[in-house]
Amino acid sequence: MLLQEGDHILVAHRRLFEKDEVRLFVGRVDAYEAGVVKATGHSYVRDQVSGRMIEKPGERTKILSLSSGALLVYQLPSTVSLDSLAFVVEDGRLALTDGKGFSMNLAEHFPAGRV
Protein backbone atom coordinates (compact mmCIF):
# COMPACT_ATOMS: atom_id res chain seq x y z
CA MET A 1 0.00 0.00 0.00
CA LEU A 2 1.36 3.41 -0.96
CA LEU A 3 -0.01 5.37 2.01
CA GLN A 4 -0.91 3.90 5.37
CA GLU A 5 -3.19 4.99 8.18
CA GLY A 6 -1.39 7.53 10.35
CA ASP A 7 0.98 8.80 7.63
CA HIS A 8 1.42 12.58 7.58
CA ILE A 9 0.84 14.39 4.29
CA LEU A 10 1.03 17.84 2.75
CA VAL A 11 -1.32 18.36 -0.19
CA ALA A 12 -0.90 21.28 -2.58
CA HIS A 13 -3.73 22.05 -4.95
CA ARG A 14 -2.15 22.53 -8.38
CA ARG A 15 -2.53 26.10 -9.58
CA LEU A 16 -4.09 25.96 -13.03
CA PHE A 17 -4.08 29.72 -13.68
CA GLU A 18 -1.64 32.49 -12.77
CA LYS A 19 -4.05 34.19 -10.36
CA ASP A 20 -5.17 31.01 -8.57
CA GLU A 21 -4.58 31.17 -4.83
CA VAL A 22 -2.10 28.84 -3.17
CA ARG A 23 -4.14 26.24 -1.25
CA LEU A 24 -2.54 23.67 1.04
CA PHE A 25 -3.74 20.92 3.36
CA VAL A 26 -1.72 19.27 6.14
CA GLY A 27 -3.11 16.18 7.80
CA ARG A 28 -2.88 12.52 8.71
CA VAL A 29 -4.11 9.65 6.58
CA ASP A 30 -7.25 7.96 7.90
CA ALA A 31 -7.53 5.49 5.00
CA TYR A 32 -6.09 4.87 1.54
CA GLU A 33 -7.39 2.70 -1.26
CA ALA A 34 -6.79 2.63 -5.02
CA GLY A 35 -5.50 6.19 -5.36
CA VAL A 36 -8.06 7.76 -3.03
CA VAL A 37 -7.03 9.04 0.39
CA LYS A 38 -9.19 10.06 3.33
CA ALA A 39 -7.25 12.50 5.53
CA THR A 40 -8.03 14.69 8.54
CA GLY A 41 -6.23 17.95 9.17
CA HIS A 42 -6.18 21.66 8.42
CA SER A 43 -6.52 23.72 5.24
CA TYR A 44 -4.52 26.86 4.48
CA VAL A 45 -4.78 29.61 1.89
CA ARG A 46 -2.17 32.24 1.02
CA ASP A 47 -3.14 35.84 1.82
CA GLN A 48 -2.61 37.90 -1.35
CA VAL A 49 -1.60 41.04 0.58
CA SER A 50 0.81 39.74 3.24
CA GLY A 51 1.92 36.54 1.50
CA ARG A 52 1.36 34.62 4.76
CA MET A 53 -0.54 31.35 4.95
CA ILE A 54 -3.85 31.67 6.79
CA GLU A 55 -5.33 28.58 8.47
CA LYS A 56 -9.01 28.02 7.80
CA PRO A 57 -10.91 27.52 11.06
CA GLY A 58 -11.55 24.01 12.27
CA GLU A 59 -10.25 20.56 11.53
CA ARG A 60 -11.71 18.92 8.44
CA THR A 61 -11.74 15.51 6.80
CA LYS A 62 -11.13 15.40 3.06
CA ILE A 63 -11.49 12.67 0.46
CA LEU A 64 -8.83 13.28 -2.21
CA SER A 65 -8.17 11.55 -5.52
CA LEU A 66 -4.41 11.29 -5.91
CA SER A 67 -4.76 10.29 -9.55
CA SER A 68 -6.74 13.39 -10.54
CA GLY A 69 -3.67 15.35 -11.60
CA ALA A 70 -4.93 18.37 -9.66
CA LEU A 71 -2.99 17.61 -6.46
CA LEU A 72 0.64 17.42 -5.46
CA VAL A 73 0.99 15.15 -2.42
CA TYR A 74 4.06 14.99 -0.21
CA GLN A 75 4.55 12.43 2.54
CA LEU A 76 5.97 14.14 5.63
CA PRO A 77 8.27 12.41 8.12
CA SER A 78 6.37 10.40 10.72
CA THR A 79 8.50 12.03 13.43
CA VAL A 80 7.04 15.48 12.69
CA SER A 81 4.21 16.58 14.97
CA LEU A 82 1.43 18.04 12.82
CA ASP A 83 0.50 20.42 15.66
CA SER A 84 3.95 22.01 15.58
CA LEU A 85 4.04 22.70 11.83
CA ALA A 86 3.97 26.29 10.64
CA PHE A 87 4.35 28.07 7.33
CA VAL A 88 7.12 30.67 7.33
CA VAL A 89 8.81 32.86 4.76
CA GLU A 90 12.56 32.19 4.60
CA ASP A 91 14.64 34.36 2.26
CA GLY A 92 11.47 35.36 0.42
CA ARG A 93 10.40 31.73 -0.08
CA LEU A 94 7.54 29.87 1.56
CA ALA A 95 8.61 26.94 3.76
CA LEU A 96 6.92 24.45 6.09
CA THR A 97 8.77 23.89 9.36
CA ASP A 98 8.27 22.30 12.76
CA GLY A 99 10.84 24.59 14.45
CA LYS A 100 12.82 21.52 15.55
CA GLY A 101 14.94 20.78 12.50
CA PHE A 102 12.38 19.83 9.83
CA SER A 103 12.00 22.36 7.03
CA MET A 104 10.53 21.92 3.55
CA ASN A 105 10.97 24.59 0.89
CA LEU A 106 7.64 25.15 -0.88
CA ALA A 107 8.80 27.80 -3.38
CA GLU A 108 7.51 27.35 -6.90
CA HIS A 109 10.61 28.93 -8.44
CA PHE A 110 14.27 28.88 -7.49
CA PRO A 111 16.77 31.55 -8.51
CA ALA A 112 19.49 28.92 -8.62
CA GLY A 113 19.63 25.17 -8.25
CA ARG A 114 21.05 21.97 -9.62
CA VAL A 115 21.09 21.46 -13.34
C-alpha atoms as a PDB file:
ATOM      1  CA  MET A   1       0.000   0.000   0.000  1.00  0.00           C
ATOM      2  CA  LEU A   2       1.356   3.406  -0.955  1.00  0.00           C
ATOM      3  CA  LEU A   3      -0.008   5.366   2.009  1.00  0.00           C
ATOM      4  CA  GLN A   4      -0.910   3.905   5.365  1.00  0.00           C
ATOM      5  CA  GLU A   5      -3.193   4.989   8.180  1.00  0.00           C
ATOM      6  CA  GLY A   6      -1.393   7.533  10.354  1.00  0.00           C
ATOM      7  CA  ASP A   7       0.979   8.799   7.632  1.00  0.00           C
ATOM      8  CA  HIS A   8       1.422  12.580   7.575  1.00  0.00           C
ATOM      9  CA  ILE A   9       0.842  14.386   4.287  1.00  0.00           C
ATOM     10  CA  LEU A  10       1.031  17.835   2.747  1.00  0.00           C
ATOM     11  CA  VAL A  11      -1.324  18.365  -0.185  1.00  0.00           C
ATOM     12  CA  ALA A  12      -0.899  21.282  -2.578  1.00  0.00           C
ATOM     13  CA  HIS A  13      -3.729  22.049  -4.955  1.00  0.00           C
ATOM     14  CA  ARG A  14      -2.154  22.534  -8.382  1.00  0.00           C
ATOM     15  CA  ARG A  15      -2.535  26.099  -9.581  1.00  0.00           C
ATOM     16  CA  LEU A  16      -4.087  25.962 -13.032  1.00  0.00           C
ATOM     17  CA  PHE A  17      -4.082  29.717 -13.683  1.00  0.00           C
ATOM     18  CA  GLU A  18      -1.638  32.486 -12.773  1.00  0.00           C
ATOM     19  CA  LYS A  19      -4.052  34.191 -10.363  1.00  0.00           C
ATOM     20  CA  ASP A  20      -5.165  31.012  -8.573  1.00  0.00           C
ATOM     21  CA  GLU A  21      -4.578  31.174  -4.828  1.00  0.00           C
ATOM     22  CA  VAL A  22      -2.102  28.838  -3.174  1.00  0.00           C
ATOM     23  CA  ARG A  23      -4.145  26.240  -1.246  1.00  0.00           C
ATOM     24  CA  LEU A  24      -2.538  23.669   1.042  1.00  0.00           C
ATOM     25  CA  PHE A  25      -3.740  20.921   3.361  1.00  0.00           C
ATOM     26  CA  VAL A  26      -1.724  19.274   6.140  1.00  0.00           C
ATOM     27  CA  GLY A  27      -3.106  16.178   7.797  1.00  0.00           C
ATOM     28  CA  ARG A  28      -2.885  12.517   8.708  1.00  0.00           C
ATOM     29  CA  VAL A  29      -4.110   9.651   6.576  1.00  0.00           C
ATOM     30  CA  ASP A  30      -7.250   7.957   7.900  1.00  0.00           C
ATOM     31  CA  ALA A  31      -7.526   5.493   5.004  1.00  0.00           C
ATOM     32  CA  TYR A  32      -6.091   4.869   1.538  1.00  0.00           C
ATOM     33  CA  GLU A  33      -7.386   2.702  -1.263  1.00  0.00           C
ATOM     34  CA  ALA A  34      -6.794   2.626  -5.025  1.00  0.00           C
ATOM     35  CA  GLY A  35      -5.503   6.187  -5.360  1.00  0.00           C
ATOM     36  CA  VAL A  36      -8.055   7.764  -3.032  1.00  0.00           C
ATOM     37  CA  VAL A  37      -7.028   9.044   0.386  1.00  0.00           C
ATOM     38  CA  LYS A  38      -9.189  10.059   3.328  1.00  0.00           C
ATOM     39  CA  ALA A  39      -7.254  12.499   5.531  1.00  0.00           C
ATOM     40  CA  THR A  40      -8.030  14.687   8.540  1.00  0.00           C
ATOM     41  CA  GLY A  41      -6.228  17.952   9.166  1.00  0.00           C
ATOM     42  CA  HIS A  42      -6.175  21.662   8.419  1.00  0.00           C
ATOM     43  CA  SER A  43      -6.519  23.722   5.240  1.00  0.00           C
ATOM     44  CA  TYR A  44      -4.519  26.856   4.480  1.00  0.00           C
ATOM     45  CA  VAL A  45      -4.784  29.612   1.885  1.00  0.00           C
ATOM     46  CA  ARG A  46      -2.171  32.239   1.023  1.00  0.00           C
ATOM     47  CA  ASP A  47      -3.140  35.836   1.816  1.00  0.00           C
ATOM     48  CA  GLN A  48      -2.615  37.900  -1.352  1.00  0.00           C
ATOM     49  CA  VAL A  49      -1.596  41.044   0.577  1.00  0.00           C
ATOM     50  CA  SER A  50       0.809  39.744   3.237  1.00  0.00           C
ATOM     51  CA  GLY A  51       1.924  36.544   1.496  1.00  0.00           C
ATOM     52  CA  ARG A  52       1.360  34.619   4.756  1.00  0.00           C
ATOM     53  CA  MET A  53      -0.536  31.347   4.947  1.00  0.00           C
ATOM     54  CA  ILE A  54      -3.851  31.665   6.788  1.00  0.00           C
ATOM     55  CA  GLU A  55      -5.329  28.581   8.470  1.00  0.00           C
ATOM     56  CA  LYS A  56      -9.007  28.019   7.796  1.00  0.00           C
ATOM     57  CA  PRO A  57     -10.906  27.523  11.056  1.00  0.00           C
ATOM     58  CA  GLY A  58     -11.554  24.009  12.269  1.00  0.00           C
ATOM     59  CA  GLU A  59     -10.247  20.558  11.528  1.00  0.00           C
ATOM     60  CA  ARG A  60     -11.707  18.917   8.436  1.00  0.00           C
ATOM     61  CA  THR A  61     -11.737  15.508   6.802  1.00  0.00           C
ATOM     62  CA  LYS A  62     -11.127  15.396   3.061  1.00  0.00           C
ATOM     63  CA  ILE A  63     -11.485  12.674   0.456  1.00  0.00           C
ATOM     64  CA  LEU A  64      -8.833  13.285  -2.209  1.00  0.00           C
ATOM     65  CA  SER A  65      -8.169  11.545  -5.521  1.00  0.00           C
ATOM     66  CA  LEU A  66      -4.410  11.293  -5.910  1.00  0.00           C
ATOM     67  CA  SER A  67      -4.762  10.286  -9.555  1.00  0.00           C
ATOM     68  CA  SER A  68      -6.744  13.392 -10.541  1.00  0.00           C
ATOM     69  CA  GLY A  69      -3.666  15.350 -11.603  1.00  0.00           C
ATOM     70  CA  ALA A  70      -4.928  18.369  -9.662  1.00  0.00           C
ATOM     71  CA  LEU A  71      -2.994  17.614  -6.463  1.00  0.00           C
ATOM     72  CA  LEU A  72       0.644  17.424  -5.456  1.00  0.00           C
ATOM     73  CA  VAL A  73       0.988  15.148  -2.425  1.00  0.00           C
ATOM     74  CA  TYR A  74       4.064  14.994  -0.207  1.00  0.00           C
ATOM     75  CA  GLN A  75       4.554  12.432   2.537  1.00  0.00           C
ATOM     76  CA  LEU A  76       5.972  14.139   5.626  1.00  0.00           C
ATOM     77  CA  PRO A  77       8.267  12.407   8.118  1.00  0.00           C
ATOM     78  CA  SER A  78       6.366  10.399  10.723  1.00  0.00           C
ATOM     79  CA  THR A  79       8.499  12.031  13.432  1.00  0.00           C
ATOM     80  CA  VAL A  80       7.042  15.482  12.693  1.00  0.00           C
ATOM     81  CA  SER A  81       4.205  16.582  14.966  1.00  0.00           C
ATOM     82  CA  LEU A  82       1.428  18.045  12.820  1.00  0.00           C
ATOM     83  CA  ASP A  83       0.497  20.420  15.660  1.00  0.00           C
ATOM     84  CA  SER A  84       3.953  22.007  15.582  1.00  0.00           C
ATOM     85  CA  LEU A  85       4.036  22.698  11.826  1.00  0.00           C
ATOM     86  CA  ALA A  86       3.968  26.293  10.637  1.00  0.00           C
ATOM     87  CA  PHE A  87       4.346  28.068   7.328  1.00  0.00           C
ATOM     88  CA  VAL A  88       7.118  30.674   7.327  1.00  0.00           C
ATOM     89  CA  VAL A  89       8.807  32.865   4.762  1.00  0.00           C
ATOM     90  CA  GLU A  90      12.557  32.193   4.602  1.00  0.00           C
ATOM     91  CA  ASP A  91      14.640  34.359   2.262  1.00  0.00           C
ATOM     92  CA  GLY A  92      11.465  35.358   0.416  1.00  0.00           C
ATOM     93  CA  ARG A  93      10.403  31.725  -0.083  1.00  0.00           C
ATOM     94  CA  LEU A  94       7.541  29.867   1.561  1.00  0.00           C
ATOM     95  CA  ALA A  95       8.608  26.940   3.764  1.00  0.00           C
ATOM     96  CA  LEU A  96       6.923  24.447   6.091  1.00  0.00           C
ATOM     97  CA  THR A  97       8.768  23.892   9.364  1.00  0.00           C
ATOM     98  CA  ASP A  98       8.271  22.304  12.765  1.00  0.00           C
ATOM     99  CA  GLY A  99      10.835  24.594  14.454  1.00  0.00           C
ATOM    100  CA  LYS A 100      12.816  21.520  15.550  1.00  0.00           C
ATOM    101  CA  GLY A 101      14.944  20.783  12.495  1.00  0.00           C
ATOM    102  CA  PHE A 102      12.384  19.834   9.834  1.00  0.00           C
ATOM    103  CA  SER A 103      12.005  22.362   7.031  1.00  0.00           C
ATOM    104  CA  MET A 104      10.534  21.919   3.554  1.00  0.00           C
ATOM    105  CA  ASN A 105      10.973  24.590   0.887  1.00  0.00           C
ATOM    106  CA  LEU A 106       7.640  25.151  -0.884  1.00  0.00           C
ATOM    107  CA  ALA A 107       8.804  27.802  -3.378  1.00  0.00           C
ATOM    108  CA  GLU A 108       7.508  27.345  -6.896  1.00  0.00           C
ATOM    109  CA  HIS A 109      10.611  28.930  -8.443  1.00  0.00           C
ATOM    110  CA  PHE A 110      14.274  28.875  -7.487  1.00  0.00           C
ATOM    111  CA  PRO A 111      16.767  31.554  -8.508  1.00  0.00           C
ATOM    112  CA  ALA A 112      19.489  28.917  -8.624  1.00  0.00           C
ATOM    113  CA  GLY A 113      19.631  25.169  -8.254  1.00  0.00           C
ATOM    114  CA  ARG A 114      21.051  21.968  -9.619  1.00  0.00           C
ATOM    115  CA  VAL A 115      21.089  21.456 -13.337  1.00  0.00           C
END
